[in-house]
Full PDB file with SEQRES, HELIX, SHEET, SSBOND, CRYST1, ORIGX, SCALE, CONECT and MASTER records, all heavy atoms in Angstrom:
SEQRES   1 A   44  SER ALA ARG SER GLY PHE LYS ALA ALA LEU VAL ASN VAL          
SEQRES   2 A   44  ALA SER LEU GLY CYS GLY ALA SER LEU GLY ARG GLU GLY          
SEQRES   3 A   44  PRO VAL VAL HIS MET GLY ALA THR ILE GLY SER TRP LEU          
SEQRES   4 A   44  THR ARG VAL LEU HIS                                          
HELIX    1 AA1 ALA A    2  GLY A   17  1                                  16    
HELIX    2 AA2 GLU A   25  VAL A   42  1                                  18    
CRYST1    1.000    1.000    1.000  90.00  90.00  90.00 P 1           1          
ORIGX1      1.000000  0.000000  0.000000        0.00000                         
ORIGX2      0.000000  1.000000  0.000000        0.00000                         
ORIGX3      0.000000  0.000000  1.000000        0.00000                         
SCALE1      1.000000  0.000000  0.000000        0.00000                         
SCALE2      0.000000  1.000000  0.000000        0.00000                         
SCALE3      0.000000  0.000000  1.000000        0.00000                         
ATOM      1  N   SER A   1       0.825  -1.207  -0.001  1.00  0.00           N  
ATOM      2  CA  SER A   1       0.007  -0.004   0.010  1.00  0.00           C  
ATOM      3  C   SER A   1       0.878   1.243   0.002  1.00  0.00           C  
ATOM      4  O   SER A   1       1.682   1.440   0.920  1.00  0.00           O  
ATOM      5  CB  SER A   1      -0.921   0.002   1.238  1.00  0.00           C  
ATOM      6  OG  SER A   1      -1.530   1.266   1.379  1.00  0.00           O  
ATOM      7  N   ALA A   2       0.682   2.099  -1.020  1.00  0.00           N  
ATOM      8  CA  ALA A   2       1.477   3.319  -1.082  1.00  0.00           C  
ATOM      9  C   ALA A   2       1.089   4.278   0.047  1.00  0.00           C  
ATOM     10  O   ALA A   2       1.937   4.958   0.613  1.00  0.00           O  
ATOM     11  CB  ALA A   2       1.257   4.010  -2.432  1.00  0.00           C  
ATOM     12  N   ARG A   3      -0.188   4.316   0.373  1.00  0.00           N  
ATOM     13  CA  ARG A   3      -0.644   5.210   1.456  1.00  0.00           C  
ATOM     14  C   ARG A   3      -0.049   4.789   2.794  1.00  0.00           C  
ATOM     15  O   ARG A   3       0.438   5.646   3.538  1.00  0.00           O  
ATOM     16  CB  ARG A   3      -2.169   5.206   1.524  1.00  0.00           C  
ATOM     17  CG  ARG A   3      -2.747   6.066   2.598  1.00  0.00           C  
ATOM     18  CD  ARG A   3      -4.268   6.125   2.559  1.00  0.00           C  
ATOM     19  NE  ARG A   3      -4.720   6.707   1.294  1.00  0.00           N  
ATOM     20  CZ  ARG A   3      -5.999   6.886   0.987  1.00  0.00           C  
ATOM     21  NH1 ARG A   3      -6.947   6.515   1.835  1.00  0.00           N  
ATOM     22  NH2 ARG A   3      -6.329   7.440  -0.179  1.00  0.00           N  
ATOM     23  N   SER A   4      -0.094   3.486   3.087  1.00  0.00           N  
ATOM     24  CA  SER A   4       0.488   3.032   4.343  1.00  0.00           C  
ATOM     25  C   SER A   4       2.001   3.250   4.345  1.00  0.00           C  
ATOM     26  O   SER A   4       2.582   3.567   5.375  1.00  0.00           O  
ATOM     27  CB  SER A   4       0.188   1.562   4.540  1.00  0.00           C  
ATOM     28  OG  SER A   4      -1.222   1.333   4.675  1.00  0.00           O  
ATOM     29  N   GLY A   5       2.627   3.059   3.181  1.00  0.00           N  
ATOM     30  CA  GLY A   5       4.065   3.290   3.106  1.00  0.00           C  
ATOM     31  C   GLY A   5       4.438   4.742   3.383  1.00  0.00           C  
ATOM     32  O   GLY A   5       5.441   5.040   4.046  1.00  0.00           O  
ATOM     33  N   PHE A   6       3.637   5.685   2.855  1.00  0.00           N  
ATOM     34  CA  PHE A   6       3.897   7.092   3.103  1.00  0.00           C  
ATOM     35  C   PHE A   6       3.743   7.435   4.561  1.00  0.00           C  
ATOM     36  O   PHE A   6       4.567   8.143   5.173  1.00  0.00           O  
ATOM     37  CB  PHE A   6       2.964   7.930   2.253  1.00  0.00           C  
ATOM     38  CG  PHE A   6       3.068   9.419   2.501  1.00  0.00           C  
ATOM     39  CD1 PHE A   6       4.149  10.139   2.031  1.00  0.00           C  
ATOM     40  CD2 PHE A   6       2.062  10.068   3.219  1.00  0.00           C  
ATOM     41  CE1 PHE A   6       4.268  11.505   2.283  1.00  0.00           C  
ATOM     42  CE2 PHE A   6       2.156  11.444   3.462  1.00  0.00           C  
ATOM     43  CZ  PHE A   6       3.266  12.167   2.994  1.00  0.00           C  
ATOM     44  N   LYS A   7       2.673   6.940   5.198  1.00  0.00           N  
ATOM     45  CA  LYS A   7       2.474   7.184   6.621  1.00  0.00           C  
ATOM     46  C   LYS A   7       3.571   6.542   7.456  1.00  0.00           C  
ATOM     47  O   LYS A   7       4.019   7.128   8.462  1.00  0.00           O  
ATOM     48  CB  LYS A   7       1.087   6.673   7.033  1.00  0.00           C  
ATOM     49  CG  LYS A   7      -0.051   7.476   6.431  1.00  0.00           C  
ATOM     50  CD  LYS A   7      -1.413   7.075   6.993  1.00  0.00           C  
ATOM     51  CE  LYS A   7      -1.834   5.722   6.492  1.00  0.00           C  
ATOM     52  NZ  LYS A   7      -3.245   5.419   6.881  1.00  0.00           N  
ATOM     53  N   ALA A   8       4.026   5.356   7.067  1.00  0.00           N  
ATOM     54  CA  ALA A   8       5.115   4.721   7.784  1.00  0.00           C  
ATOM     55  C   ALA A   8       6.391   5.536   7.693  1.00  0.00           C  
ATOM     56  O   ALA A   8       7.157   5.644   8.666  1.00  0.00           O  
ATOM     57  CB  ALA A   8       5.338   3.308   7.230  1.00  0.00           C  
ATOM     58  N   ALA A   9       6.654   6.127   6.535  1.00  0.00           N  
ATOM     59  CA  ALA A   9       7.833   6.962   6.357  1.00  0.00           C  
ATOM     60  C   ALA A   9       7.777   8.172   7.297  1.00  0.00           C  
ATOM     61  O   ALA A   9       8.786   8.564   7.898  1.00  0.00           O  
ATOM     62  CB  ALA A   9       7.957   7.421   4.907  1.00  0.00           C  
ATOM     63  N   LEU A  10       6.596   8.763   7.449  1.00  0.00           N  
ATOM     64  CA  LEU A  10       6.433   9.886   8.364  1.00  0.00           C  
ATOM     65  C   LEU A  10       6.720   9.465   9.802  1.00  0.00           C  
ATOM     66  O   LEU A  10       7.408  10.161  10.564  1.00  0.00           O  
ATOM     67  CB  LEU A  10       5.020  10.460   8.257  1.00  0.00           C  
ATOM     68  CG  LEU A  10       4.651  11.167   6.965  1.00  0.00           C  
ATOM     69  CD1 LEU A  10       3.206  11.654   7.026  1.00  0.00           C  
ATOM     70  CD2 LEU A  10       5.591  12.338   6.688  1.00  0.00           C  
ATOM     71  N   VAL A  11       6.167   8.309  10.177  1.00  0.00           N  
ATOM     72  CA  VAL A  11       6.404   7.816  11.553  1.00  0.00           C  
ATOM     73  C   VAL A  11       7.899   7.578  11.791  1.00  0.00           C  
ATOM     74  O   VAL A  11       8.450   7.936  12.835  1.00  0.00           O  
ATOM     75  CB  VAL A  11       5.617   6.517  11.780  1.00  0.00           C  
ATOM     76  CG1 VAL A  11       6.019   5.852  13.098  1.00  0.00           C  
ATOM     77  CG2 VAL A  11       4.109   6.829  11.814  1.00  0.00           C  
ATOM     78  N   ASN A  12       8.544   6.921  10.824  1.00  0.00           N  
ATOM     79  CA  ASN A  12       9.947   6.582  11.004  1.00  0.00           C  
ATOM     80  C   ASN A  12      10.851   7.789  11.018  1.00  0.00           C  
ATOM     81  O   ASN A  12      11.776   7.903  11.853  1.00  0.00           O  
ATOM     82  CB  ASN A  12      10.381   5.624   9.890  1.00  0.00           C  
ATOM     83  CG  ASN A  12       9.739   4.253  10.032  1.00  0.00           C  
ATOM     84  OD1 ASN A  12       9.575   3.734  11.122  1.00  0.00           O  
ATOM     85  ND2 ASN A  12       9.336   3.667   8.928  1.00  0.00           N  
ATOM     86  N   VAL A  13      10.646   8.739  10.128  1.00  0.00           N  
ATOM     87  CA  VAL A  13      11.499   9.911  10.083  1.00  0.00           C  
ATOM     88  C   VAL A  13      11.311  10.767  11.331  1.00  0.00           C  
ATOM     89  O   VAL A  13      12.269  11.347  11.880  1.00  0.00           O  
ATOM     90  CB  VAL A  13      11.243  10.737   8.773  1.00  0.00           C  
ATOM     91  CG1 VAL A  13       9.944  11.503   8.834  1.00  0.00           C  
ATOM     92  CG2 VAL A  13      12.419  11.703   8.540  1.00  0.00           C  
ATOM     93  N   ALA A  14      10.062  10.867  11.819  1.00  0.00           N  
ATOM     94  CA  ALA A  14       9.818  11.614  13.060  1.00  0.00           C  
ATOM     95  C   ALA A  14      10.429  10.924  14.270  1.00  0.00           C  
ATOM     96  O   ALA A  14      11.006  11.567  15.164  1.00  0.00           O  
ATOM     97  CB  ALA A  14       8.318  11.803  13.241  1.00  0.00           C  
ATOM     98  N   SER A  15      10.321   9.575  14.325  1.00  0.00           N  
ATOM     99  CA  SER A  15      10.878   8.835  15.458  1.00  0.00           C  
ATOM    100  C   SER A  15      12.382   9.039  15.523  1.00  0.00           C  
ATOM    101  O   SER A  15      12.938   9.337  16.598  1.00  0.00           O  
ATOM    102  CB  SER A  15      10.544   7.355  15.316  1.00  0.00           C  
ATOM    103  OG  SER A  15       9.154   7.114  15.350  1.00  0.00           O  
ATOM    104  N   LEU A  16      13.047   8.839  14.397  1.00  0.00           N  
ATOM    105  CA  LEU A  16      14.534   8.938  14.386  1.00  0.00           C  
ATOM    106  C   LEU A  16      14.949  10.400  14.609  1.00  0.00           C  
ATOM    107  O   LEU A  16      15.983  10.631  15.272  1.00  0.00           O  
ATOM    108  CB  LEU A  16      15.056   8.403  13.061  1.00  0.00           C  
ATOM    109  CG  LEU A  16      14.782   6.938  12.781  1.00  0.00           C  
ATOM    110  CD1 LEU A  16      15.163   6.557  11.384  1.00  0.00           C  
ATOM    111  CD2 LEU A  16      15.526   6.066  13.795  1.00  0.00           C  
ATOM    112  N   GLY A  17      14.216  11.362  14.085  1.00  0.00           N  
ATOM    113  CA  GLY A  17      14.578  12.757  14.274  1.00  0.00           C  
ATOM    114  C   GLY A  17      14.491  13.205  15.714  1.00  0.00           C  
ATOM    115  O   GLY A  17      15.300  14.032  16.150  1.00  0.00           O  
ATOM    116  N   CYS A  18      13.531  12.627  16.464  1.00  0.00           N  
ATOM    117  CA  CYS A  18      13.419  13.036  17.854  1.00  0.00           C  
ATOM    118  C   CYS A  18      14.223  12.156  18.802  1.00  0.00           C  
ATOM    119  O   CYS A  18      14.115  12.301  20.017  1.00  0.00           O  
ATOM    120  CB  CYS A  18      11.944  13.068  18.275  1.00  0.00           C  
ATOM    121  SG  CYS A  18      11.158  11.476  18.435  1.00  0.00           S  
ATOM    122  N   GLY A  19      15.012  11.241  18.248  1.00  0.00           N  
ATOM    123  CA  GLY A  19      15.992  10.556  19.062  1.00  0.00           C  
ATOM    124  C   GLY A  19      15.805   9.090  19.298  1.00  0.00           C  
ATOM    125  O   GLY A  19      16.538   8.469  20.066  1.00  0.00           O  
ATOM    126  N   ALA A  20      14.817   8.451  18.646  1.00  0.00           N  
ATOM    127  CA  ALA A  20      14.599   6.987  18.823  1.00  0.00           C  
ATOM    128  C   ALA A  20      15.908   6.243  18.546  1.00  0.00           C  
ATOM    129  O   ALA A  20      16.556   6.484  17.560  1.00  0.00           O  
ATOM    130  CB  ALA A  20      13.512   6.481  17.905  1.00  0.00           C  
ATOM    131  N   SER A  21      16.263   5.333  19.435  1.00  0.00           N  
ATOM    132  CA  SER A  21      17.559   4.647  19.326  1.00  0.00           C  
ATOM    133  C   SER A  21      17.451   3.467  18.363  1.00  0.00           C  
ATOM    134  O   SER A  21      17.730   2.315  18.722  1.00  0.00           O  
ATOM    135  CB  SER A  21      17.974   4.164  20.727  1.00  0.00           C  
ATOM    136  OG  SER A  21      19.345   3.819  20.734  1.00  0.00           O  
ATOM    137  N   LEU A  22      17.095   3.780  17.111  1.00  0.00           N  
ATOM    138  CA  LEU A  22      16.911   2.774  16.078  1.00  0.00           C  
ATOM    139  C   LEU A  22      17.637   3.212  14.817  1.00  0.00           C  
ATOM    140  O   LEU A  22      18.417   4.175  14.839  1.00  0.00           O  
ATOM    141  CB  LEU A  22      15.406   2.533  15.851  1.00  0.00           C  
ATOM    142  CG  LEU A  22      14.646   1.956  17.024  1.00  0.00           C  
ATOM    143  CD1 LEU A  22      13.155   1.912  16.755  1.00  0.00           C  
ATOM    144  CD2 LEU A  22      15.153   0.542  17.408  1.00  0.00           C  
ATOM    145  N   GLY A  23      17.343   2.565  13.682  1.00  0.00           N  
ATOM    146  CA  GLY A  23      18.089   2.824  12.462  1.00  0.00           C  
ATOM    147  C   GLY A  23      17.262   3.371  11.345  1.00  0.00           C  
ATOM    148  O   GLY A  23      16.038   3.228  11.327  1.00  0.00           O  
ATOM    149  N   ARG A  24      17.923   3.994  10.367  1.00  0.00           N  
ATOM    150  CA  ARG A  24      17.198   4.612   9.250  1.00  0.00           C  
ATOM    151  C   ARG A  24      17.185   3.715   7.999  1.00  0.00           C  
ATOM    152  O   ARG A  24      16.426   3.976   7.062  1.00  0.00           O  
ATOM    153  CB  ARG A  24      17.843   5.953   8.901  1.00  0.00           C  
ATOM    154  CG  ARG A  24      19.188   5.865   8.250  1.00  0.00           C  
ATOM    155  CD  ARG A  24      19.818   7.235   8.104  1.00  0.00           C  
ATOM    156  NE  ARG A  24      21.106   7.191   7.418  1.00  0.00           N  
ATOM    157  CZ  ARG A  24      22.068   8.102   7.558  1.00  0.00           C  
ATOM    158  NH1 ARG A  24      21.848   9.152   8.322  1.00  0.00           N  
ATOM    159  NH2 ARG A  24      23.210   7.985   6.922  1.00  0.00           N  
ATOM    160  N   GLU A  25      18.018   2.686   7.953  1.00  0.00           N  
ATOM    161  CA  GLU A  25      18.093   1.883   6.730  1.00  0.00           C  
ATOM    162  C   GLU A  25      16.825   1.073   6.521  1.00  0.00           C  
ATOM    163  O   GLU A  25      16.341   0.976   5.383  1.00  0.00           O  
ATOM    164  CB  GLU A  25      19.317   0.966   6.796  1.00  0.00           C  
ATOM    165  CG  GLU A  25      20.646   1.674   6.760  1.00  0.00           C  
ATOM    166  CD  GLU A  25      21.016   2.218   8.133  1.00  0.00           C  
ATOM    167  OE1 GLU A  25      20.411   1.787   9.148  1.00  0.00           O  
ATOM    168  OE2 GLU A  25      21.889   3.117   8.210  1.00  0.00           O  
ATOM    169  N   GLY A  26      16.281   0.433   7.566  1.00  0.00           N  
ATOM    170  CA  GLY A  26      15.052  -0.350   7.427  1.00  0.00           C  
ATOM    171  C   GLY A  26      13.902   0.490   6.901  1.00  0.00           C  
ATOM    172  O   GLY A  26      13.208   0.059   5.986  1.00  0.00           O  
ATOM    173  N   PRO A  27      13.644   1.678   7.490  1.00  0.00           N  
ATOM    174  CA  PRO A  27      12.578   2.514   6.939  1.00  0.00           C  
ATOM    175  C   PRO A  27      12.806   2.911   5.492  1.00  0.00           C  
ATOM    176  O   PRO A  27      11.864   2.988   4.689  1.00  0.00           O  
ATOM    177  CB  PRO A  27      12.621   3.758   7.848  1.00  0.00           C  
ATOM    178  CG  PRO A  27      13.159   3.250   9.145  1.00  0.00           C  
ATOM    179  CD  PRO A  27      14.132   2.178   8.771  1.00  0.00           C  
ATOM    180  N   VAL A  28      14.068   3.187   5.092  1.00  0.00           N  
ATOM    181  CA  VAL A  28      14.356   3.536   3.706  1.00  0.00           C  
ATOM    182  C   VAL A  28      14.090   2.324   2.806  1.00  0.00           C  
ATOM    183  O   VAL A  28      13.578   2.459   1.697  1.00  0.00           O  
ATOM    184  CB  VAL A  28      15.803   4.035   3.559  1.00  0.00           C  
ATOM    185  CG1 VAL A  28      16.132   4.276   2.093  1.00  0.00           C  
ATOM    186  CG2 VAL A  28      15.988   5.336   4.340  1.00  0.00           C  
ATOM    187  N   VAL A  29      14.423   1.101   3.287  1.00  0.00           N  
ATOM    188  CA  VAL A  29      14.133  -0.104   2.520  1.00  0.00           C  
ATOM    189  C   VAL A  29      12.604  -0.253   2.305  1.00  0.00           C  
ATOM    190  O   VAL A  29      12.172  -0.573   1.227  1.00  0.00           O  
ATOM    191  CB  VAL A  29      14.693  -1.340   3.244  1.00  0.00           C  
ATOM    192  CG1 VAL A  29      14.121  -2.619   2.662  1.00  0.00           C  
ATOM    193  CG2 VAL A  29      16.219  -1.366   3.110  1.00  0.00           C  
ATOM    194  N   HIS A  30      11.841  -0.053   3.372  1.00  0.00           N  
ATOM    195  CA  HIS A  30      10.393  -0.158   3.250  1.00  0.00           C  
ATOM    196  C   HIS A  30       9.863   0.901   2.274  1.00  0.00           C  
ATOM    197  O   HIS A  30       8.999   0.612   1.442  1.00  0.00           O  
ATOM    198  CB  HIS A  30       9.730   0.036   4.608  1.00  0.00           C  
ATOM    199  CG  HIS A  30       8.236  -0.155   4.586  1.00  0.00           C  
ATOM    200  ND1 HIS A  30       7.358   0.869   4.306  1.00  0.00           N  
ATOM    201  CD2 HIS A  30       7.487  -1.267   4.764  1.00  0.00           C  
ATOM    202  CE1 HIS A  30       6.130   0.415   4.337  1.00  0.00           C  
ATOM    203  NE2 HIS A  30       6.167  -0.888   4.614  1.00  0.00           N  
ATOM    204  N   MET A  31      10.405   2.081   2.362  1.00  0.00           N  
ATOM    205  CA  MET A  31       9.990   3.149   1.442  1.00  0.00           C  
ATOM    206  C   MET A  31      10.374   2.818  -0.003  1.00  0.00           C  
ATOM    207  O   MET A  31       9.563   3.028  -0.939  1.00  0.00           O  
ATOM    208  CB  MET A  31      10.654   4.480   1.860  1.00  0.00           C  
ATOM    209  CG  MET A  31      10.247   5.692   1.061  1.00  0.00           C  
ATOM    210  SD  MET A  31      10.940   7.188   1.791  1.00  0.00           S  
ATOM    211  CE  MET A  31      12.687   6.808   1.641  1.00  0.00           C  
ATOM    212  N   GLY A  32      11.542   2.252  -0.201  1.00  0.00           N  
ATOM    213  CA  GLY A  32      11.961   1.853  -1.565  1.00  0.00           C  
ATOM    214  C   GLY A  32      11.090   0.770  -2.124  1.00  0.00           C  
ATOM    215  O   GLY A  32      10.693   0.829  -3.301  1.00  0.00           O  
ATOM    216  N   ALA A  33      10.743  -0.209  -1.307  1.00  0.00           N  
ATOM    217  CA  ALA A  33       9.889  -1.296  -1.772  1.00  0.00           C  
ATOM    218  C   ALA A  33       8.472  -0.742  -2.101  1.00  0.00           C  
ATOM    219  O   ALA A  33       7.841  -1.181  -3.061  1.00  0.00           O  
ATOM    220  CB  ALA A  33       9.786  -2.378  -0.703  1.00  0.00           C  
ATOM    221  N   THR A  34       8.023   0.219  -1.307  1.00  0.00           N  
ATOM    222  CA  THR A  34       6.720   0.819  -1.554  1.00  0.00           C  
ATOM    223  C   THR A  34       6.706   1.540  -2.905  1.00  0.00           C  
ATOM    224  O   THR A  34       5.721   1.473  -3.658  1.00  0.00           O  
ATOM    225  CB  THR A  34       6.378   1.813  -0.435  1.00  0.00           C  
ATOM    226  OG1 THR A  34       6.330   1.129   0.814  1.00  0.00           O  
ATOM    227  CG2 THR A  34       5.011   2.440  -0.697  1.00  0.00           C  
ATOM    228  N   ILE A  35       7.791   2.226  -3.245  1.00  0.00           N  
ATOM    229  CA  ILE A  35       7.859   2.912  -4.520  1.00  0.00           C  
ATOM    230  C   ILE A  35       7.841   1.925  -5.684  1.00  0.00           C  
ATOM    231  O   ILE A  35       7.151   2.135  -6.686  1.00  0.00           O  
ATOM    232  CB  ILE A  35       9.132   3.804  -4.568  1.00  0.00           C  
ATOM    233  CG1 ILE A  35       9.003   4.960  -3.587  1.00  0.00           C  
ATOM    234  CG2 ILE A  35       9.395   4.309  -5.995  1.00  0.00           C  
ATOM    235  CD1 ILE A  35      10.260   5.787  -3.431  1.00  0.00           C  
ATOM    236  N   GLY A  36       8.602   0.828  -5.553  1.00  0.00           N  
ATOM    237  CA  GLY A  36       8.562  -0.191  -6.594  1.00  0.00           C  
ATOM    238  C   GLY A  36       7.174  -0.800  -6.758  1.00  0.00           C  
ATOM    239  O   GLY A  36       6.699  -1.008  -7.876  1.00  0.00           O  
ATOM    240  N   SER A  37       6.491  -1.026  -5.656  1.00  0.00           N  
ATOM    241  CA  SER A  37       5.152  -1.606  -5.697  1.00  0.00           C  
ATOM    242  C   SER A  37       4.165  -0.575  -6.284  1.00  0.00           C  
ATOM    243  O   SER A  37       3.246  -0.982  -7.041  1.00  0.00           O  
ATOM    244  CB  SER A  37       4.694  -1.981  -4.302  1.00  0.00           C  
ATOM    245  OG  SER A  37       3.391  -2.501  -4.292  1.00  0.00           O  
ATOM    246  N   TRP A  38       4.344   0.688  -5.936  1.00  0.00           N  
ATOM    247  CA  TRP A  38       3.459   1.736  -6.515  1.00  0.00           C  
ATOM    248  C   TRP A  38       3.561   1.797  -8.032  1.00  0.00           C  
ATOM    249  O   TRP A  38       2.544   1.851  -8.731  1.00  0.00           O  
ATOM    250  CB  TRP A  38       3.831   3.089  -5.903  1.00  0.00           C  
ATOM    251  CG  TRP A  38       3.216   4.252  -6.590  1.00  0.00           C  
ATOM    252  CD1 TRP A  38       1.948   4.696  -6.462  1.00  0.00           C  
ATOM    253  CD2 TRP A  38       3.834   5.089  -7.589  1.00  0.00           C  
ATOM    254  NE1 TRP A  38       1.726   5.782  -7.301  1.00  0.00           N  
ATOM    255  CE2 TRP A  38       2.869   6.040  -7.981  1.00  0.00           C  
ATOM    256  CE3 TRP A  38       5.120   5.118  -8.152  1.00  0.00           C  
ATOM    257  CZ2 TRP A  38       3.159   7.016  -8.927  1.00  0.00           C  
ATOM    258  CZ3 TRP A  38       5.392   6.094  -9.085  1.00  0.00           C  
ATOM    259  CH2 TRP A  38       4.437   7.016  -9.471  1.00  0.00           C  
ATOM    260  N   LEU A  39       4.776   1.738  -8.555  1.00  0.00           N  
ATOM    261  CA  LEU A  39       4.932   1.769 -10.027  1.00  0.00           C  
ATOM    262  C   LEU A  39       4.314   0.523 -10.653  1.00  0.00           C  
ATOM    263  O   LEU A  39       3.731   0.596 -11.746  1.00  0.00           O  
ATOM    264  CB  LEU A  39       6.426   1.871 -10.374  1.00  0.00           C  
ATOM    265  CG  LEU A  39       6.730   2.060 -11.853  1.00  0.00           C  
ATOM    266  CD1 LEU A  39       6.122   3.350 -12.380  1.00  0.00           C  
ATOM    267  CD2 LEU A  39       8.244   2.087 -12.078  1.00  0.00           C  
ATOM    268  N   THR A  40       4.431  -0.584  -9.979  1.00  0.00           N  
ATOM    269  CA  THR A  40       3.795  -1.811 -10.449  1.00  0.00           C  
ATOM    270  C   THR A  40       2.294  -1.657 -10.592  1.00  0.00           C  
ATOM    271  O   THR A  40       1.694  -2.059 -11.592  1.00  0.00           O  
ATOM    272  CB  THR A  40       4.103  -2.963  -9.468  1.00  0.00           C  
ATOM    273  OG1 THR A  40       5.480  -3.249  -9.465  1.00  0.00           O  
ATOM    274  CG2 THR A  40       3.315  -4.216  -9.841  1.00  0.00           C  
ATOM    275  N   ARG A  41       1.679  -1.054  -9.584  1.00  0.00           N  
ATOM    276  CA  ARG A  41       0.241  -0.888  -9.631  1.00  0.00           C  
ATOM    277  C   ARG A  41      -0.178   0.135 -10.677  1.00  0.00           C  
ATOM    278  O   ARG A  41      -1.214  -0.041 -11.349  1.00  0.00           O  
ATOM    279  CB  ARG A  41      -0.264  -0.453  -8.241  1.00  0.00           C  
ATOM    280  CG  ARG A  41      -1.777  -0.395  -8.132  1.00  0.00           C  
ATOM    281  CD  ARG A  41      -2.244  -0.203  -6.698  1.00  0.00           C  
ATOM    282  NE  ARG A  41      -1.733   0.988  -6.114  1.00  0.00           N  
ATOM    283  CZ  ARG A  41      -0.713   1.035  -5.223  1.00  0.00           C  
ATOM    284  NH1 ARG A  41      -0.133  -0.112  -4.846  1.00  0.00           N  
ATOM    285  NH2 ARG A  41      -0.318   2.168  -4.723  1.00  0.00           N  
ATOM    286  N   VAL A  42       0.572   1.205 -10.839  1.00  0.00           N  
ATOM    287  CA  VAL A  42       0.255   2.218 -11.821  1.00  0.00           C  
ATOM    288  C   VAL A  42       0.257   1.648 -13.215  1.00  0.00           C  
ATOM    289  O   VAL A  42      -0.615   1.959 -14.069  1.00  0.00           O  
ATOM    290  CB  VAL A  42       1.209   3.422 -11.701  1.00  0.00           C  
ATOM    291  CG1 VAL A  42       1.079   4.380 -12.885  1.00  0.00           C  
ATOM    292  CG2 VAL A  42       0.983   4.170 -10.393  1.00  0.00           C  
ATOM    293  N   LEU A  43       1.228   0.779 -13.505  1.00  0.00           N  
ATOM    294  CA  LEU A  43       1.362   0.219 -14.836  1.00  0.00           C  
ATOM    295  C   LEU A  43       0.673  -1.128 -15.002  1.00  0.00           C  
ATOM    296  O   LEU A  43       0.750  -1.738 -16.053  1.00  0.00           O  
ATOM    297  CB  LEU A  43       2.863   0.058 -15.169  1.00  0.00           C  
ATOM    298  CG  LEU A  43       3.700   1.335 -15.175  1.00  0.00           C  
ATOM    299  CD1 LEU A  43       5.136   1.047 -15.476  1.00  0.00           C  
ATOM    300  CD2 LEU A  43       3.137   2.348 -16.184  1.00  0.00           C  
ATOM    301  N   HIS A  44      -0.013  -1.613 -13.931  1.00  0.00           N  
ATOM    302  CA  HIS A  44      -0.743  -2.864 -13.997  1.00  0.00           C  
ATOM    303  C   HIS A  44       0.153  -4.031 -14.403  1.00  0.00           C  
ATOM    304  O   HIS A  44      -0.206  -4.814 -15.288  1.00  0.00           O  
ATOM    305  CB  HIS A  44      -1.945  -2.747 -14.940  1.00  0.00           C  
ATOM    306  CG  HIS A  44      -2.888  -1.628 -14.589  1.00  0.00           C  
ATOM    307  ND1 HIS A  44      -3.744  -1.703 -13.515  1.00  0.00           N  
ATOM    308  CD2 HIS A  44      -3.085  -0.428 -15.148  1.00  0.00           C  
ATOM    309  CE1 HIS A  44      -4.467  -0.594 -13.429  1.00  0.00           C  
ATOM    310  NE2 HIS A  44      -4.076   0.229 -14.426  1.00  0.00           N  
TER     311      HIS A  44                                                      
MASTER        0    0    0    2    0    0    0    6  310    1    0    4          
END                                                                             
């Protein structure tokens, strides 16, 4: 879901920006996969 992926990106960037002791690579991976899936759906 592109919508869920966008909301997840907001949650992750806000969490890490305010100091959550976690990593940024996993959220970027999820965001990247969401973009690939979005293009798949657009082009059927």
